[in-house]
Amino acid sequence: MEIKALIFDLDGVIVDTAKYHYLAWKEIADELGFFFSKEDNERLKGVSRMRSLDILLEVGAVKLDDDIKIQLATKKNERYVGMVKKMPADEILPGALSLLKSAKAKGYKIALGSASKNAMTILNQLNITDVFDVIIDGNKVSEAKPDPEVFLIGAKELNVKPKNCVVFEDAAAGVEAAHNGNMFCIGIGSEENLSEADILIPGFENFTINDFEKIIKKL
């Protein structure tokens, strides 16, 4: 199988923004009067903002009408964006930028496939927007992961068939989305959360383009 394109999730794969999501959601939970743990936050990875809020409310056994929910989701996002705009460049996860640049130099097409509606803000803040040939974020899709829409649109805009793409994901919903889109998936993280990934690596710090090509030669 010939791999022509690499599609990367953003949060937890390229940049460490998960902690800002958690802090912003935790503030909402605190205001609603219940504790929201880091373990609870794992359920929010890779899903849309409104679905994240629904999960948060499930944790706290809180029921709210839609108008209030929209207000809370907006409040959370404003707090998150405020944190992100102060984010230093070293939030890029170790080895991620090196892998992106070396993959591009080798001729692979590179796409971002993220549920985040703030992806452009983050990429601009870190000055890495131009690394990507295509950027698909939460503003360009209507379906959340595990629906494969974000990855399929990425492949289409790259003019590459799904079977010729590899997805890098740190969330179970993202791994499922890749598979639903008929794409090979490399999980970034622990087997506890990503047991369905085709290949699992702890991160990019000791992972090079040569390591990647050794993997795809076996496909």
N, C-alpha and C. Protein backbone atom coordinates (compact mmCIF):
# COMPACT_ATOMS: atom_id res chain seq x y z
N MET A 1 0.84 -1.19 0.00
CA MET A 1 0.00 0.00 0.00
C MET A 1 0.88 1.25 0.00
N GLU A 2 0.60 2.17 -0.91
CA GLU A 2 1.40 3.39 -1.01
C GLU A 2 0.77 4.49 -0.15
N ILE A 3 1.53 4.98 0.79
CA ILE A 3 1.07 6.08 1.64
C ILE A 3 1.54 7.40 1.04
N LYS A 4 0.58 8.29 0.77
CA LYS A 4 0.89 9.56 0.14
C LYS A 4 0.65 10.76 1.05
N ALA A 5 -0.15 10.55 2.11
CA ALA A 5 -0.52 11.69 2.95
C ALA A 5 -0.56 11.32 4.42
N LEU A 6 -0.22 12.30 5.24
CA LEU A 6 -0.27 12.16 6.69
C LEU A 6 -1.27 13.19 7.21
N ILE A 7 -2.22 12.72 8.02
CA ILE A 7 -3.24 13.61 8.59
C ILE A 7 -3.07 13.61 10.10
N PHE A 8 -2.89 14.79 10.67
CA PHE A 8 -2.62 14.92 12.09
C PHE A 8 -3.78 15.58 12.84
N ASP A 9 -4.18 14.97 13.94
CA ASP A 9 -5.02 15.67 14.90
C ASP A 9 -4.15 16.76 15.51
N LEU A 10 -4.76 17.70 16.19
CA LEU A 10 -4.00 18.82 16.75
C LEU A 10 -3.76 18.66 18.25
N ASP A 11 -4.81 18.78 19.03
CA ASP A 11 -4.69 18.74 20.49
C ASP A 11 -4.18 17.39 20.97
N GLY A 12 -3.05 17.39 21.65
CA GLY A 12 -2.49 16.16 22.19
C GLY A 12 -1.60 15.40 21.23
N VAL A 13 -1.56 15.84 19.98
CA VAL A 13 -0.71 15.19 18.98
C VAL A 13 0.43 16.13 18.56
N ILE A 14 0.08 17.34 18.17
CA ILE A 14 1.07 18.32 17.75
C ILE A 14 1.37 19.33 18.85
N VAL A 15 0.35 19.68 19.59
CA VAL A 15 0.50 20.73 20.60
C VAL A 15 -0.21 20.33 21.88
N ASP A 16 0.33 20.78 22.98
CA ASP A 16 -0.21 20.41 24.29
C ASP A 16 -1.24 21.45 24.76
N THR A 17 -2.44 21.36 24.19
CA THR A 17 -3.51 22.28 24.61
C THR A 17 -4.54 21.60 25.51
N ALA A 18 -4.38 20.30 25.70
CA ALA A 18 -5.37 19.56 26.49
C ALA A 18 -5.54 20.14 27.89
N LYS A 19 -4.45 20.62 28.46
CA LYS A 19 -4.53 21.15 29.82
C LYS A 19 -5.38 22.41 29.88
N TYR A 20 -5.35 23.20 28.79
CA TYR A 20 -6.16 24.42 28.76
C TYR A 20 -7.64 24.08 28.61
N HIS A 21 -7.93 23.06 27.79
CA HIS A 21 -9.31 22.59 27.69
C HIS A 21 -9.80 22.15 29.07
N TYR A 22 -8.97 21.37 29.74
CA TYR A 22 -9.37 20.85 31.05
C TYR A 22 -9.62 21.98 32.05
N LEU A 23 -8.70 22.94 32.11
CA LEU A 23 -8.85 24.04 33.06
C LEU A 23 -10.12 24.85 32.79
N ALA A 24 -10.40 25.08 31.51
CA ALA A 24 -11.59 25.85 31.16
C ALA A 24 -12.87 25.09 31.49
N TRP A 25 -12.89 23.78 31.19
CA TRP A 25 -14.07 22.97 31.53
C TRP A 25 -14.22 22.83 33.04
N LYS A 26 -13.11 22.69 33.73
CA LYS A 26 -13.18 22.54 35.19
C LYS A 26 -13.77 23.79 35.84
N GLU A 27 -13.44 24.96 35.30
CA GLU A 27 -14.02 26.20 35.83
C GLU A 27 -15.54 26.19 35.67
N ILE A 28 -16.02 25.69 34.54
CA ILE A 28 -17.46 25.59 34.33
C ILE A 28 -18.08 24.63 35.35
N ALA A 29 -17.43 23.48 35.54
CA ALA A 29 -17.93 22.50 36.52
C ALA A 29 -17.94 23.09 37.92
N ASP A 30 -16.89 23.80 38.28
CA ASP A 30 -16.81 24.42 39.61
C ASP A 30 -17.98 25.37 39.82
N GLU A 31 -18.29 26.13 38.79
CA GLU A 31 -19.39 27.09 38.89
C GLU A 31 -20.75 26.40 39.01
N LEU A 32 -20.83 25.20 38.42
CA LEU A 32 -22.07 24.43 38.52
C LEU A 32 -22.15 23.60 39.79
N GLY A 33 -21.03 23.57 40.55
CA GLY A 33 -21.06 22.95 41.86
C GLY A 33 -20.66 21.49 41.93
N PHE A 34 -19.86 21.03 40.97
CA PHE A 34 -19.38 19.64 41.05
C PHE A 34 -17.93 19.56 40.59
N PHE A 35 -17.27 18.47 40.99
CA PHE A 35 -15.86 18.27 40.68
C PHE A 35 -15.71 17.55 39.34
N PHE A 36 -14.84 18.07 38.50
CA PHE A 36 -14.55 17.47 37.20
C PHE A 36 -13.08 17.11 37.17
N SER A 37 -12.80 15.81 37.15
CA SER A 37 -11.42 15.32 37.28
C SER A 37 -10.72 15.20 35.92
N LYS A 38 -9.40 15.02 35.98
CA LYS A 38 -8.63 14.80 34.76
C LYS A 38 -9.04 13.48 34.10
N GLU A 39 -9.44 12.52 34.93
CA GLU A 39 -9.92 11.25 34.38
C GLU A 39 -11.23 11.46 33.62
N ASP A 40 -12.11 12.28 34.17
CA ASP A 40 -13.35 12.61 33.46
C ASP A 40 -13.04 13.30 32.13
N ASN A 41 -12.02 14.13 32.14
CA ASN A 41 -11.66 14.90 30.96
C ASN A 41 -11.21 14.03 29.80
N GLU A 42 -10.74 12.82 30.09
CA GLU A 42 -10.33 11.90 29.02
C GLU A 42 -11.49 11.62 28.06
N ARG A 43 -12.70 11.65 28.57
CA ARG A 43 -13.88 11.37 27.74
C ARG A 43 -14.15 12.48 26.73
N LEU A 44 -13.55 13.65 26.95
CA LEU A 44 -13.79 14.79 26.08
C LEU A 44 -12.85 14.85 24.89
N LYS A 45 -11.80 14.05 24.92
CA LYS A 45 -10.80 14.12 23.87
C LYS A 45 -11.39 13.74 22.51
N GLY A 46 -11.19 14.61 21.54
CA GLY A 46 -11.57 14.30 20.16
C GLY A 46 -13.02 14.54 19.82
N VAL A 47 -13.83 15.01 20.77
CA VAL A 47 -15.24 15.23 20.48
C VAL A 47 -15.56 16.72 20.41
N SER A 48 -16.72 17.05 19.88
CA SER A 48 -17.09 18.45 19.66
C SER A 48 -17.32 19.19 20.98
N ARG A 49 -17.37 20.51 20.88
CA ARG A 49 -17.56 21.35 22.07
C ARG A 49 -18.89 21.06 22.77
N MET A 50 -19.97 20.97 21.98
CA MET A 50 -21.28 20.74 22.60
C MET A 50 -21.39 19.34 23.17
N ARG A 51 -20.79 18.37 22.50
CA ARG A 51 -20.79 17.01 23.04
C ARG A 51 -19.94 16.97 24.31
N SER A 52 -18.84 17.72 24.34
CA SER A 52 -18.01 17.80 25.54
C SER A 52 -18.83 18.35 26.71
N LEU A 53 -19.62 19.38 26.44
CA LEU A 53 -20.45 19.95 27.49
C LEU A 53 -21.47 18.93 27.99
N ASP A 54 -22.05 18.18 27.06
CA ASP A 54 -23.02 17.15 27.45
C ASP A 54 -22.38 16.12 28.38
N ILE A 55 -21.15 15.72 28.06
CA ILE A 55 -20.43 14.75 28.90
C ILE A 55 -20.15 15.36 30.27
N LEU A 56 -19.71 16.62 30.29
CA LEU A 56 -19.46 17.32 31.54
C LEU A 56 -20.72 17.32 32.41
N LEU A 57 -21.85 17.63 31.82
CA LEU A 57 -23.10 17.69 32.57
C LEU A 57 -23.53 16.30 33.04
N GLU A 58 -23.22 15.28 32.25
CA GLU A 58 -23.50 13.90 32.68
C GLU A 58 -22.69 13.57 33.93
N VAL A 59 -21.43 13.99 33.94
CA VAL A 59 -20.57 13.74 35.11
C VAL A 59 -21.16 14.38 36.36
N GLY A 60 -21.67 15.59 36.20
CA GLY A 60 -22.23 16.30 37.35
C GLY A 60 -23.69 16.03 37.60
N ALA A 61 -24.30 15.17 36.75
CA ALA A 61 -25.75 14.87 36.86
C ALA A 61 -26.57 16.17 36.85
N VAL A 62 -26.19 17.07 35.93
CA VAL A 62 -26.85 18.36 35.81
C VAL A 62 -27.61 18.41 34.49
N LYS A 63 -28.85 18.88 34.54
CA LYS A 63 -29.64 19.05 33.33
C LYS A 63 -29.95 20.53 33.13
N LEU A 64 -29.69 21.01 31.91
CA LEU A 64 -29.90 22.42 31.59
C LEU A 64 -30.60 22.54 30.24
N ASP A 65 -31.30 23.65 30.04
CA ASP A 65 -31.94 23.83 28.74
C ASP A 65 -30.90 24.27 27.71
N ASP A 66 -31.29 24.21 26.44
CA ASP A 66 -30.34 24.43 25.36
C ASP A 66 -29.73 25.83 25.37
N ASP A 67 -30.52 26.83 25.72
CA ASP A 67 -30.00 28.20 25.74
C ASP A 67 -28.87 28.36 26.75
N ILE A 68 -29.06 27.79 27.93
CA ILE A 68 -28.02 27.85 28.97
C ILE A 68 -26.79 27.08 28.53
N LYS A 69 -27.00 25.94 27.88
CA LYS A 69 -25.88 25.13 27.42
C LYS A 69 -25.03 25.88 26.39
N ILE A 70 -25.69 26.60 25.50
CA ILE A 70 -24.96 27.38 24.49
C ILE A 70 -24.15 28.47 25.17
N GLN A 71 -24.74 29.11 26.19
CA GLN A 71 -24.03 30.15 26.93
C GLN A 71 -22.79 29.59 27.64
N LEU A 72 -22.93 28.41 28.23
CA LEU A 72 -21.81 27.79 28.94
C LEU A 72 -20.71 27.37 27.97
N ALA A 73 -21.10 26.82 26.83
CA ALA A 73 -20.10 26.41 25.83
C ALA A 73 -19.34 27.62 25.31
N THR A 74 -20.04 28.73 25.12
CA THR A 74 -19.41 29.97 24.67
C THR A 74 -18.45 30.49 25.73
N LYS A 75 -18.88 30.45 26.98
CA LYS A 75 -18.05 30.93 28.09
C LYS A 75 -16.77 30.09 28.18
N LYS A 76 -16.94 28.77 28.08
CA LYS A 76 -15.78 27.89 28.14
C LYS A 76 -14.81 28.21 27.02
N ASN A 77 -15.32 28.42 25.81
CA ASN A 77 -14.45 28.68 24.67
C ASN A 77 -13.72 30.01 24.82
N GLU A 78 -14.39 31.01 25.33
CA GLU A 78 -13.75 32.31 25.53
C GLU A 78 -12.58 32.19 26.51
N ARG A 79 -12.79 31.41 27.57
CA ARG A 79 -11.72 31.22 28.55
C ARG A 79 -10.56 30.43 27.94
N TYR A 80 -10.90 29.40 27.18
CA TYR A 80 -9.88 28.57 26.53
C TYR A 80 -9.05 29.41 25.55
N VAL A 81 -9.72 30.19 24.71
CA VAL A 81 -9.02 31.01 23.72
C VAL A 81 -8.11 32.02 24.42
N GLY A 82 -8.60 32.58 25.53
CA GLY A 82 -7.77 33.51 26.29
C GLY A 82 -6.48 32.87 26.76
N MET A 83 -6.56 31.61 27.18
CA MET A 83 -5.36 30.89 27.61
C MET A 83 -4.44 30.59 26.42
N VAL A 84 -5.04 30.16 25.32
CA VAL A 84 -4.27 29.78 24.14
C VAL A 84 -3.50 30.97 23.57
N LYS A 85 -4.09 32.15 23.62
CA LYS A 85 -3.44 33.33 23.07
C LYS A 85 -2.20 33.75 23.85
N LYS A 86 -2.04 33.17 25.03
CA LYS A 86 -0.84 33.42 25.83
C LYS A 86 0.13 32.25 25.76
N MET A 87 -0.19 31.25 24.94
CA MET A 87 0.57 30.02 24.87
C MET A 87 1.94 30.25 24.23
N PRO A 88 3.02 29.81 24.86
CA PRO A 88 4.35 29.94 24.27
C PRO A 88 4.60 28.89 23.20
N ALA A 89 5.55 29.14 22.33
CA ALA A 89 5.84 28.24 21.22
C ALA A 89 6.30 26.86 21.68
N ASP A 90 6.83 26.77 22.90
CA ASP A 90 7.33 25.47 23.36
C ASP A 90 6.20 24.51 23.76
N GLU A 91 4.95 24.93 23.55
CA GLU A 91 3.83 24.02 23.77
C GLU A 91 3.77 22.96 22.67
N ILE A 92 4.48 23.20 21.54
CA ILE A 92 4.56 22.16 20.51
C ILE A 92 5.21 20.93 21.14
N LEU A 93 4.59 19.79 20.98
CA LEU A 93 5.10 18.59 21.63
C LEU A 93 6.43 18.16 21.02
N PRO A 94 7.32 17.63 21.86
CA PRO A 94 8.67 17.27 21.40
C PRO A 94 8.66 16.36 20.17
N GLY A 95 9.40 16.77 19.16
CA GLY A 95 9.56 15.97 17.95
C GLY A 95 8.49 16.19 16.90
N ALA A 96 7.38 16.84 17.25
CA ALA A 96 6.27 16.99 16.31
C ALA A 96 6.65 17.84 15.10
N LEU A 97 7.24 19.00 15.34
CA LEU A 97 7.58 19.89 14.23
C LEU A 97 8.65 19.27 13.34
N SER A 98 9.60 18.59 13.94
CA SER A 98 10.64 17.92 13.16
C SER A 98 10.04 16.87 12.24
N LEU A 99 9.09 16.08 12.76
CA LEU A 99 8.45 15.06 11.94
C LEU A 99 7.64 15.68 10.80
N LEU A 100 6.89 16.74 11.11
CA LEU A 100 6.10 17.42 10.08
C LEU A 100 6.99 17.92 8.94
N LYS A 101 8.07 18.57 9.30
CA LYS A 101 8.96 19.15 8.28
C LYS A 101 9.68 18.08 7.47
N SER A 102 10.13 17.03 8.14
CA SER A 102 10.86 15.98 7.43
C SER A 102 9.92 15.18 6.53
N ALA A 103 8.67 15.00 6.96
CA ALA A 103 7.68 14.31 6.13
C ALA A 103 7.39 15.12 4.87
N LYS A 104 7.24 16.42 5.06
CA LYS A 104 6.97 17.30 3.92
C LYS A 104 8.16 17.31 2.96
N ALA A 105 9.36 17.32 3.51
CA ALA A 105 10.57 17.32 2.68
C ALA A 105 10.69 16.04 1.85
N LYS A 106 10.11 14.96 2.37
CA LYS A 106 10.15 13.67 1.67
C LYS A 106 9.04 13.54 0.64
N GLY A 107 8.18 14.57 0.57
CA GLY A 107 7.15 14.56 -0.47
C GLY A 107 5.77 14.12 -0.02
N TYR A 108 5.60 13.84 1.26
CA TYR A 108 4.27 13.49 1.74
C TYR A 108 3.40 14.74 1.82
N LYS A 109 2.14 14.60 1.51
CA LYS A 109 1.18 15.68 1.72
C LYS A 109 0.78 15.68 3.19
N ILE A 110 0.60 16.86 3.74
CA ILE A 110 0.35 16.99 5.17
C ILE A 110 -0.97 17.75 5.40
N ALA A 111 -1.84 17.15 6.22
CA ALA A 111 -3.11 17.80 6.55
C ALA A 111 -3.31 17.82 8.06
N LEU A 112 -4.07 18.79 8.49
CA LEU A 112 -4.56 18.83 9.86
C LEU A 112 -6.00 18.38 9.84
N GLY A 113 -6.37 17.50 10.76
CA GLY A 113 -7.75 17.04 10.87
C GLY A 113 -8.19 17.13 12.31
N SER A 114 -8.75 18.27 12.69
CA SER A 114 -9.03 18.54 14.10
C SER A 114 -10.48 18.96 14.31
N ALA A 115 -11.05 18.52 15.43
CA ALA A 115 -12.41 18.94 15.80
C ALA A 115 -12.43 20.36 16.32
N SER A 116 -11.26 20.90 16.64
CA SER A 116 -11.18 22.22 17.26
C SER A 116 -11.56 23.33 16.30
N LYS A 117 -12.42 24.24 16.77
CA LYS A 117 -12.77 25.42 16.00
C LYS A 117 -11.73 26.53 16.20
N ASN A 118 -10.78 26.26 17.08
CA ASN A 118 -9.73 27.23 17.37
C ASN A 118 -8.39 26.83 16.75
N ALA A 119 -8.42 25.88 15.83
CA ALA A 119 -7.17 25.36 15.27
C ALA A 119 -6.32 26.45 14.64
N MET A 120 -6.93 27.35 13.87
CA MET A 120 -6.15 28.40 13.21
C MET A 120 -5.51 29.34 14.22
N THR A 121 -6.23 29.63 15.30
CA THR A 121 -5.67 30.48 16.36
C THR A 121 -4.42 29.84 16.94
N ILE A 122 -4.51 28.54 17.20
CA ILE A 122 -3.37 27.81 17.78
C ILE A 122 -2.21 27.74 16.80
N LEU A 123 -2.47 27.39 15.55
CA LEU A 123 -1.40 27.27 14.56
C LEU A 123 -0.71 28.62 14.33
N ASN A 124 -1.51 29.67 14.27
CA ASN A 124 -0.93 31.01 14.08
C ASN A 124 -0.10 31.43 15.29
N GLN A 125 -0.59 31.09 16.47
CA GLN A 125 0.14 31.43 17.69
C GLN A 125 1.51 30.76 17.71
N LEU A 126 1.56 29.54 17.20
CA LEU A 126 2.81 28.76 17.19
C LEU A 126 3.61 28.94 15.90
N ASN A 127 3.04 29.69 14.96
CA ASN A 127 3.72 29.98 13.70
C ASN A 127 4.04 28.72 12.90
N ILE A 128 3.09 27.81 12.82
CA ILE A 128 3.31 26.57 12.08
C ILE A 128 2.23 26.33 11.01
N THR A 129 1.44 27.36 10.71
CA THR A 129 0.36 27.20 9.74
C THR A 129 0.86 26.73 8.38
N ASP A 130 2.00 27.27 7.95
CA ASP A 130 2.48 26.97 6.60
C ASP A 130 3.05 25.57 6.44
N VAL A 131 3.13 24.83 7.53
CA VAL A 131 3.62 23.45 7.43
C VAL A 131 2.57 22.56 6.76
N PHE A 132 1.30 22.95 6.87
CA PHE A 132 0.21 22.11 6.39
C PHE A 132 -0.24 22.49 4.99
N ASP A 133 -0.47 21.47 4.17
CA ASP A 133 -1.02 21.69 2.83
C ASP A 133 -2.51 21.98 2.91
N VAL A 134 -3.16 21.35 3.87
CA VAL A 134 -4.61 21.49 4.04
C VAL A 134 -4.90 21.54 5.53
N ILE A 135 -5.82 22.41 5.93
CA ILE A 135 -6.24 22.50 7.33
C ILE A 135 -7.74 22.33 7.41
N ILE A 136 -8.16 21.24 8.03
CA ILE A 136 -9.58 20.96 8.24
C ILE A 136 -9.84 21.02 9.74
N ASP A 137 -10.71 21.93 10.15
CA ASP A 137 -10.99 22.07 11.57
C ASP A 137 -12.49 22.01 11.83
N GLY A 138 -12.88 22.31 13.06
CA GLY A 138 -14.28 22.21 13.44
C GLY A 138 -15.21 23.17 12.72
N ASN A 139 -14.64 24.18 12.07
CA ASN A 139 -15.45 25.12 11.30
C ASN A 139 -15.80 24.59 9.91
N LYS A 140 -15.15 23.51 9.50
CA LYS A 140 -15.36 22.99 8.15
C LYS A 140 -16.13 21.66 8.13
N VAL A 141 -16.51 21.18 9.31
CA VAL A 141 -17.22 19.90 9.37
C VAL A 141 -18.51 20.05 10.15
N SER A 142 -19.45 19.14 9.89
CA SER A 142 -20.72 19.14 10.61
C SER A 142 -20.84 17.95 11.54
N GLU A 143 -20.00 16.94 11.33
CA GLU A 143 -20.06 15.73 12.13
C GLU A 143 -18.80 15.59 12.99
N ALA A 144 -18.99 15.22 14.25
CA ALA A 144 -17.87 15.04 15.17
C ALA A 144 -17.32 13.61 15.08
N LYS A 145 -16.05 13.45 15.42
CA LYS A 145 -15.48 12.11 15.54
C LYS A 145 -16.28 11.34 16.59
N PRO A 146 -16.56 10.07 16.40
CA PRO A 146 -15.91 9.11 15.48
C PRO A 146 -16.40 9.10 14.04
N ASP A 147 -17.27 10.04 13.66
CA ASP A 147 -17.57 10.17 12.24
C ASP A 147 -16.28 10.56 11.52
N PRO A 148 -16.01 9.96 10.35
CA PRO A 148 -14.73 10.22 9.66
C PRO A 148 -14.70 11.48 8.82
N GLU A 149 -15.74 12.30 8.89
CA GLU A 149 -15.86 13.45 7.99
C GLU A 149 -14.60 14.31 7.92
N VAL A 150 -14.04 14.66 9.08
CA VAL A 150 -12.89 15.57 9.09
C VAL A 150 -11.70 14.98 8.34
N PHE A 151 -11.50 13.68 8.44
CA PHE A 151 -10.39 13.04 7.75
C PHE A 151 -10.69 12.84 6.27
N LEU A 152 -11.93 12.52 5.95
CA LEU A 152 -12.31 12.32 4.55
C LEU A 152 -12.23 13.63 3.76
N ILE A 153 -12.64 14.73 4.39
CA ILE A 153 -12.51 16.03 3.73
C ILE A 153 -11.03 16.37 3.53
N GLY A 154 -10.21 16.06 4.54
CA GLY A 154 -8.78 16.28 4.42
C GLY A 154 -8.18 15.53 3.25
N ALA A 155 -8.54 14.25 3.13
CA ALA A 155 -8.04 13.44 2.02
C ALA A 155 -8.51 13.98 0.67
N LYS A 156 -9.77 14.39 0.62
CA LYS A 156 -10.33 14.92 -0.62
C LYS A 156 -9.61 16.20 -1.04
N GLU A 157 -9.36 17.10 -0.08
CA GLU A 157 -8.68 18.36 -0.41
C GLU A 157 -7.21 18.14 -0.77
N LEU A 158 -6.64 17.07 -0.27
CA LEU A 158 -5.27 16.72 -0.64
C LEU A 158 -5.22 15.97 -1.97
N ASN A 159 -6.41 15.57 -2.44
CA ASN A 159 -6.54 14.77 -3.67
C ASN A 159 -5.83 13.42 -3.52
N VAL A 160 -6.06 12.81 -2.35
CA VAL A 160 -5.48 11.50 -2.03
C VAL A 160 -6.61 10.57 -1.57
N LYS A 161 -6.59 9.34 -2.00
CA LYS A 161 -7.60 8.39 -1.57
C LYS A 161 -7.42 8.06 -0.08
N PRO A 162 -8.52 7.83 0.64
CA PRO A 162 -8.42 7.51 2.07
C PRO A 162 -7.45 6.37 2.38
N LYS A 163 -7.44 5.34 1.54
CA LYS A 163 -6.57 4.18 1.81
C LYS A 163 -5.09 4.53 1.71
N ASN A 164 -4.78 5.68 1.13
CA ASN A 164 -3.39 6.12 0.99
C ASN A 164 -2.99 7.16 2.04
N CYS A 165 -3.83 7.26 3.10
CA CYS A 165 -3.57 8.22 4.18
C CYS A 165 -3.28 7.50 5.49
N VAL A 166 -2.45 8.11 6.31
CA VAL A 166 -2.21 7.66 7.68
C VAL A 166 -2.62 8.78 8.62
N VAL A 167 -3.39 8.43 9.63
CA VAL A 167 -3.85 9.40 10.62
C VAL A 167 -3.07 9.24 11.92
N PHE A 168 -2.71 10.37 12.53
CA PHE A 168 -2.08 10.38 13.85
C PHE A 168 -3.09 10.93 14.85
N GLU A 169 -3.43 10.14 15.86
CA GLU A 169 -4.50 10.50 16.81
C GLU A 169 -4.13 10.16 18.24
N ASP A 170 -4.66 10.94 19.18
CA ASP A 170 -4.44 10.64 20.60
C ASP A 170 -5.73 10.30 21.32
N ALA A 171 -6.86 10.26 20.60
CA ALA A 171 -8.15 10.00 21.23
C ALA A 171 -8.82 8.78 20.62
N ALA A 172 -9.51 8.01 21.45
CA ALA A 172 -10.19 6.81 20.98
C ALA A 172 -11.20 7.15 19.89
N ALA A 173 -11.92 8.26 20.05
CA ALA A 173 -12.89 8.67 19.05
C ALA A 173 -12.21 8.97 17.71
N GLY A 174 -10.99 9.52 17.78
CA GLY A 174 -10.24 9.82 16.57
C GLY A 174 -9.73 8.57 15.87
N VAL A 175 -9.29 7.60 16.65
CA VAL A 175 -8.87 6.32 16.08
C VAL A 175 -10.04 5.66 15.36
N GLU A 176 -11.19 5.67 16.02
CA GLU A 176 -12.39 5.08 15.41
C GLU A 176 -12.77 5.83 14.13
N ALA A 177 -12.64 7.16 14.16
CA ALA A 177 -12.95 7.96 12.97
C ALA A 177 -12.03 7.60 11.81
N ALA A 178 -10.74 7.42 12.10
CA ALA A 178 -9.79 7.04 11.05
C ALA A 178 -10.18 5.71 10.43
N HIS A 179 -10.49 4.75 11.27
CA HIS A 179 -10.89 3.44 10.77
C HIS A 179 -12.21 3.50 10.00
N ASN A 180 -13.12 4.34 10.48
CA ASN A 180 -14.39 4.50 9.77
C ASN A 180 -14.19 5.12 8.39
N GLY A 181 -13.08 5.84 8.24
CA GLY A 181 -12.74 6.44 6.96
C GLY A 181 -11.81 5.58 6.12
N ASN A 182 -11.58 4.35 6.56
CA ASN A 182 -10.71 3.40 5.84
C ASN A 182 -9.26 3.88 5.79
N MET A 183 -8.81 4.43 6.93
CA MET A 183 -7.44 4.91 7.03
C MET A 183 -6.67 4.18 8.13
N PHE A 184 -5.39 3.98 7.91
CA PHE A 184 -4.49 3.42 8.91
C PHE A 184 -4.29 4.47 10.00
N CYS A 185 -4.22 4.03 11.25
CA CYS A 185 -4.11 5.00 12.34
C CYS A 185 -2.96 4.66 13.29
N ILE A 186 -2.12 5.66 13.52
CA ILE A 186 -1.06 5.56 14.53
C ILE A 186 -1.52 6.33 15.75
N GLY A 187 -1.64 5.63 16.87
CA GLY A 187 -2.08 6.24 18.11
C GLY A 187 -0.92 6.88 18.85
N ILE A 188 -1.18 8.04 19.43
CA ILE A 188 -0.17 8.75 20.22
C ILE A 188 -0.61 8.72 21.67
N GLY A 189 0.05 7.87 22.48
CA GLY A 189 -0.35 7.78 23.89
C GLY A 189 -0.24 6.38 24.43
N SER A 190 -1.15 6.03 25.32
CA SER A 190 -1.08 4.74 26.01
C SER A 190 -2.10 3.75 25.47
N GLU A 191 -1.78 2.47 25.61
CA GLU A 191 -2.67 1.42 25.14
C GLU A 191 -3.99 1.42 25.91
N GLU A 192 -3.95 1.89 27.13
CA GLU A 192 -5.14 1.95 27.96
C GLU A 192 -6.27 2.73 27.26
N ASN A 193 -5.90 3.82 26.58
CA ASN A 193 -6.89 4.66 25.92
C ASN A 193 -6.98 4.42 24.42
N LEU A 194 -5.95 3.78 23.83
CA LEU A 194 -5.89 3.69 22.36
C LEU A 194 -5.66 2.26 21.88
N SER A 195 -6.32 1.33 22.51
CA SER A 195 -6.09 -0.09 22.20
C SER A 195 -6.48 -0.45 20.76
N GLU A 196 -7.32 0.35 20.12
CA GLU A 196 -7.78 0.04 18.76
C GLU A 196 -6.86 0.61 17.68
N ALA A 197 -5.86 1.40 18.06
CA ALA A 197 -4.94 1.95 17.07
C ALA A 197 -4.15 0.83 16.39
N ASP A 198 -3.81 1.02 15.11
CA ASP A 198 -3.06 0.00 14.37
C ASP A 198 -1.63 -0.11 14.89
N ILE A 199 -1.05 1.01 15.21
CA ILE A 199 0.29 1.09 15.80
C ILE A 199 0.21 2.12 16.91
N LEU A 200 0.94 1.89 17.97
CA LEU A 200 0.92 2.82 19.10
C LEU A 200 2.33 3.30 19.41
N ILE A 201 2.49 4.61 19.54
CA ILE A 201 3.78 5.18 19.96
C ILE A 201 3.51 6.17 21.10
N PRO A 202 4.47 6.36 21.99
CA PRO A 202 4.24 7.27 23.12
C PRO A 202 4.24 8.74 22.74
N GLY A 203 4.88 9.07 21.62
CA GLY A 203 4.98 10.46 21.18
C GLY A 203 5.98 10.56 20.05
N PHE A 204 6.28 11.78 19.65
CA PHE A 204 7.18 12.00 18.52
C PHE A 204 8.62 12.29 18.92
N GLU A 205 8.90 12.35 20.20
CA GLU A 205 10.22 12.77 20.65
C GLU A 205 11.34 11.89 20.10
N ASN A 206 11.09 10.60 20.03
CA ASN A 206 12.10 9.67 19.50
C ASN A 206 11.57 8.94 18.27
N PHE A 207 10.69 9.62 17.53
CA PHE A 207 10.05 9.02 16.36
C PHE A 207 10.36 9.88 15.14
N THR A 208 11.07 9.30 14.17
CA THR A 208 11.50 10.04 12.99
C THR A 208 10.73 9.60 11.75
N ILE A 209 10.93 10.30 10.66
CA ILE A 209 10.31 9.91 9.40
C ILE A 209 10.79 8.53 8.95
N ASN A 210 12.02 8.20 9.30
CA ASN A 210 12.53 6.86 8.97
C ASN A 210 11.78 5.78 9.74
N ASP A 211 11.48 6.06 11.01
CA ASP A 211 10.68 5.11 11.80
C ASP A 211 9.30 4.94 11.17
N PHE A 212 8.73 6.05 10.74
CA PHE A 212 7.42 6.00 10.10
C PHE A 212 7.45 5.14 8.84
N GLU A 213 8.49 5.33 8.04
CA GLU A 213 8.55 4.58 6.78
C GLU A 213 8.80 3.09 7.00
N LYS A 214 9.46 2.76 8.09
CA LYS A 214 9.62 1.33 8.43
C LYS A 214 8.26 0.72 8.73
N ILE A 215 7.39 1.50 9.36
CA ILE A 215 6.03 1.02 9.69
C ILE A 215 5.21 0.81 8.43
N ILE A 216 5.22 1.81 7.54
CA ILE A 216 4.35 1.72 6.37
C ILE A 216 4.83 0.72 5.34
N LYS A 217 6.10 0.36 5.38
CA LYS A 217 6.62 -0.67 4.47
C LYS A 217 5.99 -2.03 4.76
N LYS A 218 5.50 -2.17 5.99
CA LYS A 218 4.90 -3.44 6.41
C LYS A 218 3.41 -3.51 6.07
N LEU A 219 2.84 -2.40 5.59
CA LEU A 219 1.40 -2.39 5.29
C LEU A 219 1.08 -3.16 4.02
